[in-house]
């Protein structure tokens, strides 16, 4: 059939050809791009890794845990949803505005349909860069991947997580607060994530302030 098509002896029906052309015209170019090698991560918010974690609360009851991890400060943000959709992912992006005390300059994701459509459009409108890792390279999102493993081991496998979504997120908020404001981190010289951010902000302010 391929040879016949190539020779022009087998033609597609006109209605099918028009439908394919219409789909191509409607298809928008992806906003997500591969992170350039020259992209530098120096300040909080320069690169926030985002991922999802599927959790089984009961044999027939699943939830989806959205996580964010800032590469500089190790601050985390999280929220649970009933569905793993681009609508939920876009909502999670707005949720991070209340959790991170700095703007998100760039988001880094692995492949996943939840990070397309509305999520991409939200990033575009907010002028947030969106970097998608190449297929088969989840290690590029290693920070949030390790963070998700900790959440599973220290939250979902230990706590009696409520099946009520609102109560579930209240429990997550308390766990998140402990991670960001109370727990010291070896990678941050035994400072909490928020202490490290405050210190970084003071040092950065001193560097950019004009000399008296």
Protein backbone atom coordinates (compact mmCIF):
# COMPACT_ATOMS: atom_id res chain seq x y z
CA UNK A 1 0.00 0.00 0.00
CA UNK A 2 2.86 2.35 0.81
CA UNK A 3 4.38 1.77 -2.64
CA UNK A 4 1.03 2.33 -4.34
CA UNK A 5 0.55 5.57 -2.40
CA UNK A 6 4.07 6.70 -3.33
CA UNK A 7 3.29 6.07 -7.03
CA UNK A 8 -0.01 7.93 -6.77
CA UNK A 9 -2.08 4.85 -7.58
CA UNK A 10 -3.79 4.66 -4.18
CA UNK A 11 -5.40 7.86 -2.96
CA UNK A 12 -6.97 8.62 0.40
CA UNK A 13 -10.64 9.60 0.39
CA UNK A 14 -11.03 13.36 0.18
CA UNK A 15 -12.92 13.62 3.49
CA UNK A 16 -10.16 11.73 5.34
CA UNK A 17 -7.45 13.92 3.80
CA UNK A 18 -9.27 17.09 4.81
CA UNK A 19 -9.78 15.80 8.36
CA UNK A 20 -6.02 15.17 8.72
CA UNK A 21 -5.19 18.64 7.44
CA UNK A 22 -7.68 20.20 9.86
CA UNK A 23 -6.10 18.34 12.80
CA UNK A 24 -2.65 19.57 11.80
CA UNK A 25 -3.88 23.17 11.64
CA UNK A 26 -5.50 22.91 15.07
CA UNK A 27 -2.42 21.40 16.71
CA UNK A 28 -0.51 24.07 18.62
CA UNK A 29 3.28 23.91 18.90
CA UNK A 30 4.50 22.67 22.28
CA UNK A 31 5.51 25.36 24.74
CA UNK A 32 7.78 22.97 26.64
CA UNK A 33 11.36 22.78 25.35
CA UNK A 34 14.56 20.99 26.25
CA UNK A 35 16.58 22.87 28.86
CA UNK A 36 19.49 24.65 27.13
CA UNK A 37 22.96 23.61 28.28
CA UNK A 38 23.85 27.21 29.01
CA UNK A 39 20.88 27.69 31.36
CA UNK A 40 22.22 28.62 34.81
CA UNK A 41 20.53 27.82 38.11
CA UNK A 42 21.75 30.32 40.70
CA UNK A 43 18.76 31.74 42.57
CA UNK A 44 15.66 30.34 44.26
CA UNK A 45 13.00 29.73 41.63
CA UNK A 46 15.48 29.45 38.76
CA UNK A 47 14.52 25.78 38.45
CA UNK A 48 11.60 24.08 40.20
CA UNK A 49 11.17 20.39 39.46
CA UNK A 50 7.57 19.14 39.37
CA UNK A 51 6.33 15.56 39.33
CA UNK A 52 3.38 13.38 40.37
CA UNK A 53 3.16 10.42 42.73
CA UNK A 54 0.38 7.85 42.46
CA UNK A 55 -0.78 6.76 45.93
CA UNK A 56 -3.09 3.87 46.86
CA UNK A 57 -5.15 4.78 49.91
CA UNK A 58 -7.34 1.68 49.61
CA UNK A 59 -7.28 -1.30 47.21
CA UNK A 60 -9.76 0.51 44.97
CA UNK A 61 -9.01 4.09 46.02
CA UNK A 62 -6.18 6.03 44.38
CA UNK A 63 -5.02 9.59 44.64
CA UNK A 64 -2.42 11.70 42.89
CA UNK A 65 0.16 13.67 44.81
CA UNK A 66 1.70 16.62 42.94
CA UNK A 67 5.14 17.66 44.19
CA UNK A 68 7.44 20.60 43.56
CA UNK A 69 11.08 20.88 44.65
CA UNK A 70 13.23 23.98 44.33
CA UNK A 71 16.77 23.12 43.30
CA UNK A 72 18.48 25.92 45.25
CA UNK A 73 16.60 26.00 48.57
CA UNK A 74 15.12 22.45 48.67
CA UNK A 75 11.78 24.01 49.56
CA UNK A 76 8.90 21.71 48.64
CA UNK A 77 5.27 22.24 47.75
CA UNK A 78 2.64 19.52 47.51
CA UNK A 79 -1.06 18.95 47.02
CA UNK A 80 -3.25 15.90 46.44
CA UNK A 81 -5.86 15.55 43.71
CA UNK A 82 -8.40 12.93 42.70
CA UNK A 83 -7.25 12.95 39.07
CA UNK A 84 -3.97 13.28 37.24
CA UNK A 85 -5.03 15.86 34.64
CA UNK A 86 -3.65 19.02 33.10
CA UNK A 87 -6.38 20.93 34.96
CA UNK A 88 -5.06 19.59 38.26
CA UNK A 89 -1.47 20.38 37.23
CA UNK A 90 -2.43 23.96 36.31
CA UNK A 91 -4.20 24.35 39.66
CA UNK A 92 -1.07 23.05 41.40
CA UNK A 93 0.99 25.73 39.66
CA UNK A 94 -1.26 28.42 41.15
CA UNK A 95 -1.06 26.63 44.52
CA UNK A 96 2.72 27.04 44.51
CA UNK A 97 2.31 30.83 44.53
CA UNK A 98 1.12 30.53 48.13
CA UNK A 99 3.89 28.11 49.11
CA UNK A 100 7.11 29.49 47.65
CA UNK A 101 8.24 32.95 48.80
CA UNK A 102 9.83 33.62 45.41
CA UNK A 103 8.60 33.55 41.78
CA UNK A 104 9.08 30.45 39.69
CA UNK A 105 11.29 31.32 36.74
CA UNK A 106 11.41 27.82 35.21
CA UNK A 107 9.64 24.51 35.72
CA UNK A 108 11.28 21.18 34.89
CA UNK A 109 9.12 18.12 34.15
CA UNK A 110 9.31 14.59 32.84
CA UNK A 111 6.91 13.52 30.10
CA UNK A 112 3.29 13.17 31.13
CA UNK A 113 -0.04 14.23 29.68
CA UNK A 114 -0.90 16.12 32.88
CA UNK A 115 1.89 18.57 32.01
CA UNK A 116 0.42 19.45 28.62
CA UNK A 117 -2.65 21.44 27.52
CA UNK A 118 -3.83 23.66 30.40
CA UNK A 119 -0.59 23.29 32.35
CA UNK A 120 1.48 24.46 29.39
CA UNK A 121 -0.93 27.32 28.72
CA UNK A 122 -0.72 28.43 32.35
CA UNK A 123 3.08 28.45 32.17
CA UNK A 124 2.94 30.40 28.91
CA UNK A 125 0.60 33.05 30.32
CA UNK A 126 2.64 33.40 33.51
CA UNK A 127 5.84 33.64 31.41
CA UNK A 128 7.35 30.67 33.25
CA UNK A 129 9.89 28.72 31.23
CA UNK A 130 8.94 25.05 30.86
CA UNK A 131 11.67 22.46 30.35
CA UNK A 132 10.74 18.87 29.49
CA UNK A 133 13.33 16.16 30.00
CA UNK A 134 14.10 13.79 27.11
CA UNK A 135 12.23 10.45 27.24
CA UNK A 136 13.83 7.77 29.39
CA UNK A 137 15.85 10.22 31.52
CA UNK A 138 13.89 10.60 34.81
CA UNK A 139 17.20 11.16 36.65
CA UNK A 140 17.18 14.73 35.32
CA UNK A 141 14.34 15.32 37.78
CA UNK A 142 16.27 13.55 40.50
CA UNK A 143 15.54 16.10 43.23
CA UNK A 144 11.78 15.82 43.09
CA UNK A 145 12.02 12.06 42.48
CA UNK A 146 13.97 11.61 45.74
CA UNK A 147 11.56 13.99 47.45
CA UNK A 148 8.62 11.86 46.32
CA UNK A 149 10.28 8.74 47.72
CA UNK A 150 10.62 10.51 51.08
CA UNK A 151 6.97 11.58 50.99
CA UNK A 152 5.90 8.01 50.34
CA UNK A 153 8.08 6.54 53.11
CA UNK A 154 7.53 9.23 55.74
CA UNK A 155 3.96 10.28 55.05
CA UNK A 156 1.89 7.77 53.07
CA UNK A 157 3.41 4.64 54.62
CA UNK A 158 3.32 6.00 58.18
CA UNK A 159 0.32 8.27 58.65
CA UNK A 160 -3.34 7.37 58.65
CA UNK A 161 -4.14 9.40 55.56
CA UNK A 162 -7.74 10.58 55.33
CA UNK A 163 -9.85 9.50 52.38
CA UNK A 164 -11.46 12.94 52.40
CA UNK A 165 -9.48 15.07 49.94
CA UNK A 166 -9.73 18.28 51.99
CA UNK A 167 -8.52 16.54 55.15
CA UNK A 168 -5.82 14.75 53.14
CA UNK A 169 -4.46 18.12 52.00
CA UNK A 170 -4.59 19.51 55.53
CA UNK A 171 -2.42 16.61 56.64
CA UNK A 172 -0.06 17.28 53.74
CA UNK A 173 0.16 20.96 54.69
CA UNK A 174 1.35 20.03 58.20
CA UNK A 175 3.89 17.56 56.82
CA UNK A 176 5.08 20.14 54.27
CA UNK A 177 5.52 22.76 57.02
CA UNK A 178 7.69 20.33 58.99
CA UNK A 179 9.86 19.71 55.92
CA UNK A 180 10.31 23.40 55.06
CA UNK A 181 10.41 25.08 58.48
CA UNK A 182 11.51 22.53 61.09
CA UNK A 183 13.64 19.78 59.57
CA UNK A 184 17.34 20.56 59.03
CA UNK A 185 18.89 19.25 55.81
CA UNK A 186 22.44 17.98 55.38
CA UNK A 187 22.57 19.45 51.88
CA UNK A 188 21.84 22.88 53.40
CA UNK A 189 24.50 22.67 56.14
CA UNK A 190 21.89 21.52 58.67
CA UNK A 191 19.68 24.52 58.06
CA UNK A 192 15.99 24.26 57.35
CA UNK A 193 14.93 25.08 53.82
CA UNK A 194 13.39 28.39 54.86
CA UNK A 195 16.47 29.33 56.94
CA UNK A 196 18.66 28.66 53.93
CA UNK A 197 16.42 30.84 51.75
CA UNK A 198 16.49 33.73 54.27
CA UNK A 199 20.28 33.49 54.48
CA UNK A 200 20.61 33.39 50.68
CA UNK A 201 18.40 36.45 50.40
CA UNK A 202 20.49 38.42 52.91
CA UNK A 203 23.76 37.50 51.21
CA UNK A 204 22.38 38.32 47.77
CA UNK A 205 20.99 41.65 48.98
CA UNK A 206 24.37 42.57 50.46
CA UNK A 207 26.10 41.76 47.17
CA UNK A 208 23.81 43.88 45.02
CA UNK A 209 23.50 46.82 47.43
CA UNK A 210 25.54 49.86 46.38
CA UNK A 211 28.53 50.68 48.58
CA UNK A 212 28.04 53.62 50.88
